[in-house]
């Protein structure tokens, strides 16, 4: 039995579940946005922040380049890097654009 991951991925990104719309390069796309809390330590100091990511089918963002802007929930984020899982899903590591 052959599993077509690209065809099955569309079920992971239903807007009535966890997915939401984001905009990249003039396109309205679906993905799962996570604004994870991040706590790091530097010596005796704790640094708090967020680690925004977008998970989306790789075909949605084919050709995306580091530094490009995507908009989520009315906020612009700059792409730091894209990580692909090898099964058709891309994880976009983001940074709030200034």
C-alpha atoms as a PDB file:
ATOM      1  CA  UNK A   1       0.000   0.000   0.000  1.00  0.00           C
ATOM      2  CA  UNK A   2       1.391   3.376  -1.036  1.00  0.00           C
ATOM      3  CA  UNK A   3       0.693   6.348   1.207  1.00  0.00           C
ATOM      4  CA  UNK A   4       0.422   9.687  -0.540  1.00  0.00           C
ATOM      5  CA  UNK A   5       1.442  12.052   2.256  1.00  0.00           C
ATOM      6  CA  UNK A   6       0.941  15.185   0.162  1.00  0.00           C
ATOM      7  CA  UNK A   7      -2.696  14.284  -0.552  1.00  0.00           C
ATOM      8  CA  UNK A   8      -3.358  13.315   3.076  1.00  0.00           C
ATOM      9  CA  UNK A   9      -1.753  16.461   4.511  1.00  0.00           C
ATOM     10  CA  UNK A  10      -4.735  18.588   3.519  1.00  0.00           C
ATOM     11  CA  UNK A  11      -6.745  16.985   6.330  1.00  0.00           C
ATOM     12  CA  UNK A  12      -4.292  18.315   8.908  1.00  0.00           C
ATOM     13  CA  UNK A  13      -4.945  21.913   7.929  1.00  0.00           C
ATOM     14  CA  UNK A  14      -8.725  22.289   8.080  1.00  0.00           C
ATOM     15  CA  UNK A  15      -9.832  25.793   9.089  1.00  0.00           C
ATOM     16  CA  UNK A  16     -12.546  24.369  11.344  1.00  0.00           C
ATOM     17  CA  UNK A  17      -9.870  22.589  13.423  1.00  0.00           C
ATOM     18  CA  UNK A  18      -6.503  24.114  14.357  1.00  0.00           C
ATOM     19  CA  UNK A  19      -5.561  25.817  11.115  1.00  0.00           C
ATOM     20  CA  UNK A  20      -5.930  29.494  10.336  1.00  0.00           C
ATOM     21  CA  UNK A  21      -5.206  31.737   7.395  1.00  0.00           C
ATOM     22  CA  UNK A  22      -1.912  33.475   6.777  1.00  0.00           C
ATOM     23  CA  UNK A  23      -0.673  35.568   3.878  1.00  0.00           C
ATOM     24  CA  UNK A  24       2.554  35.126   1.942  1.00  0.00           C
ATOM     25  CA  UNK A  25       3.460  36.686  -1.375  1.00  0.00           C
ATOM     26  CA  UNK A  26      -0.104  37.864  -1.959  1.00  0.00           C
ATOM     27  CA  UNK A  27      -1.586  34.408  -1.356  1.00  0.00           C
ATOM     28  CA  UNK A  28      -4.020  33.468   1.413  1.00  0.00           C
ATOM     29  CA  UNK A  29      -2.925  30.066   2.751  1.00  0.00           C
ATOM     30  CA  UNK A  30      -3.762  27.733   5.641  1.00  0.00           C
ATOM     31  CA  UNK A  31      -1.428  26.611   8.392  1.00  0.00           C
ATOM     32  CA  UNK A  32      -1.139  25.986  12.109  1.00  0.00           C
ATOM     33  CA  UNK A  33       0.332  28.965  13.966  1.00  0.00           C
ATOM     34  CA  UNK A  34       2.074  28.534  17.311  1.00  0.00           C
ATOM     35  CA  UNK A  35       3.266  31.399  19.471  1.00  0.00           C
ATOM     36  CA  UNK A  36       5.147  29.275  21.978  1.00  0.00           C
ATOM     37  CA  UNK A  37       6.499  30.796  25.194  1.00  0.00           C
ATOM     38  CA  UNK A  38      10.276  30.561  25.378  1.00  0.00           C
ATOM     39  CA  UNK A  39      12.404  30.895  28.506  1.00  0.00           C
ATOM     40  CA  UNK A  40      16.186  30.981  28.224  1.00  0.00           C
ATOM     41  CA  UNK A  41      18.879  31.554  30.795  1.00  0.00           C
ATOM     42  CA  UNK A  42      21.976  33.671  30.392  1.00  0.00           C
ATOM     43  CA  UNK A  43      24.091  33.320  33.489  1.00  0.00           C
ATOM     44  CA  UNK A  44      21.943  34.522  36.393  1.00  0.00           C
ATOM     45  CA  UNK A  45      19.366  36.124  34.106  1.00  0.00           C
ATOM     46  CA  UNK A  46      16.220  34.617  32.642  1.00  0.00           C
ATOM     47  CA  UNK A  47      15.128  35.833  29.228  1.00  0.00           C
ATOM     48  CA  UNK A  48      11.470  35.493  28.283  1.00  0.00           C
ATOM     49  CA  UNK A  49      10.132  35.650  24.776  1.00  0.00           C
ATOM     50  CA  UNK A  50       8.135  33.857  22.141  1.00  0.00           C
ATOM     51  CA  UNK A  51       9.106  31.464  19.378  1.00  0.00           C
ATOM     52  CA  UNK A  52       6.512  31.910  16.601  1.00  0.00           C
ATOM     53  CA  UNK A  53       6.185  29.100  14.061  1.00  0.00           C
ATOM     54  CA  UNK A  54       3.840  28.246  11.203  1.00  0.00           C
ATOM     55  CA  UNK A  55       3.275  24.655  10.091  1.00  0.00           C
ATOM     56  CA  UNK A  56       1.914  24.288   6.559  1.00  0.00           C
ATOM     57  CA  UNK A  57       2.080  21.925   3.578  1.00  0.00           C
ATOM     58  CA  UNK A  58       5.424  22.440   1.819  1.00  0.00           C
ATOM     59  CA  UNK A  59       3.642  23.021  -1.489  1.00  0.00           C
ATOM     60  CA  UNK A  60       2.024  26.145  -0.006  1.00  0.00           C
ATOM     61  CA  UNK A  61       5.386  27.833   0.495  1.00  0.00           C
ATOM     62  CA  UNK A  62       7.521  26.368  -2.287  1.00  0.00           C
ATOM     63  CA  UNK A  63      10.246  28.873  -3.045  1.00  0.00           C
ATOM     64  CA  UNK A  64       9.949  30.859   0.184  1.00  0.00           C
ATOM     65  CA  UNK A  65      13.220  32.563   1.084  1.00  0.00           C
ATOM     66  CA  UNK A  66      14.794  33.626   4.353  1.00  0.00           C
ATOM     67  CA  UNK A  67      13.759  37.176   5.265  1.00  0.00           C
ATOM     68  CA  UNK A  68      10.424  37.087   3.418  1.00  0.00           C
ATOM     69  CA  UNK A  69       7.363  38.360   5.285  1.00  0.00           C
ATOM     70  CA  UNK A  70       4.267  36.384   6.178  1.00  0.00           C
ATOM     71  CA  UNK A  71       1.266  37.925   7.944  1.00  0.00           C
ATOM     72  CA  UNK A  72      -0.624  36.059  10.666  1.00  0.00           C
ATOM     73  CA  UNK A  73      -3.437  37.520  12.786  1.00  0.00           C
ATOM     74  CA  UNK A  74      -2.647  40.972  11.419  1.00  0.00           C
ATOM     75  CA  UNK A  75       1.023  40.821  12.472  1.00  0.00           C
ATOM     76  CA  UNK A  76       3.985  40.657  10.081  1.00  0.00           C
ATOM     77  CA  UNK A  77       6.641  38.017  10.727  1.00  0.00           C
ATOM     78  CA  UNK A  78       9.976  37.550   8.975  1.00  0.00           C
ATOM     79  CA  UNK A  79      11.040  34.034   7.966  1.00  0.00           C
ATOM     80  CA  UNK A  80      14.167  32.992   9.858  1.00  0.00           C
ATOM     81  CA  UNK A  81      14.317  29.530   8.278  1.00  0.00           C
ATOM     82  CA  UNK A  82      12.191  26.739   6.848  1.00  0.00           C
ATOM     83  CA  UNK A  83      12.477  23.176   8.116  1.00  0.00           C
ATOM     84  CA  UNK A  84      10.871  20.382   6.080  1.00  0.00           C
ATOM     85  CA  UNK A  85       9.888  17.081   7.676  1.00  0.00           C
ATOM     86  CA  UNK A  86      10.374  15.052   4.485  1.00  0.00           C
ATOM     87  CA  UNK A  87       6.681  14.114   4.388  1.00  0.00           C
ATOM     88  CA  UNK A  88       5.364  17.293   2.802  1.00  0.00           C
ATOM     89  CA  UNK A  89       5.121  19.562   5.852  1.00  0.00           C
ATOM     90  CA  UNK A  90       7.182  22.738   6.347  1.00  0.00           C
ATOM     91  CA  UNK A  91       7.835  24.361   9.688  1.00  0.00           C
ATOM     92  CA  UNK A  92       8.459  28.069   9.269  1.00  0.00           C
ATOM     93  CA  UNK A  93      10.549  29.528  12.073  1.00  0.00           C
ATOM     94  CA  UNK A  94       9.494  33.166  12.367  1.00  0.00           C
ATOM     95  CA  UNK A  95      10.546  36.404  14.004  1.00  0.00           C
ATOM     96  CA  UNK A  96       8.309  39.413  14.496  1.00  0.00           C
ATOM     97  CA  UNK A  97       9.130  41.951  11.788  1.00  0.00           C
ATOM     98  CA  UNK A  98      10.207  45.378  12.963  1.00  0.00           C
END
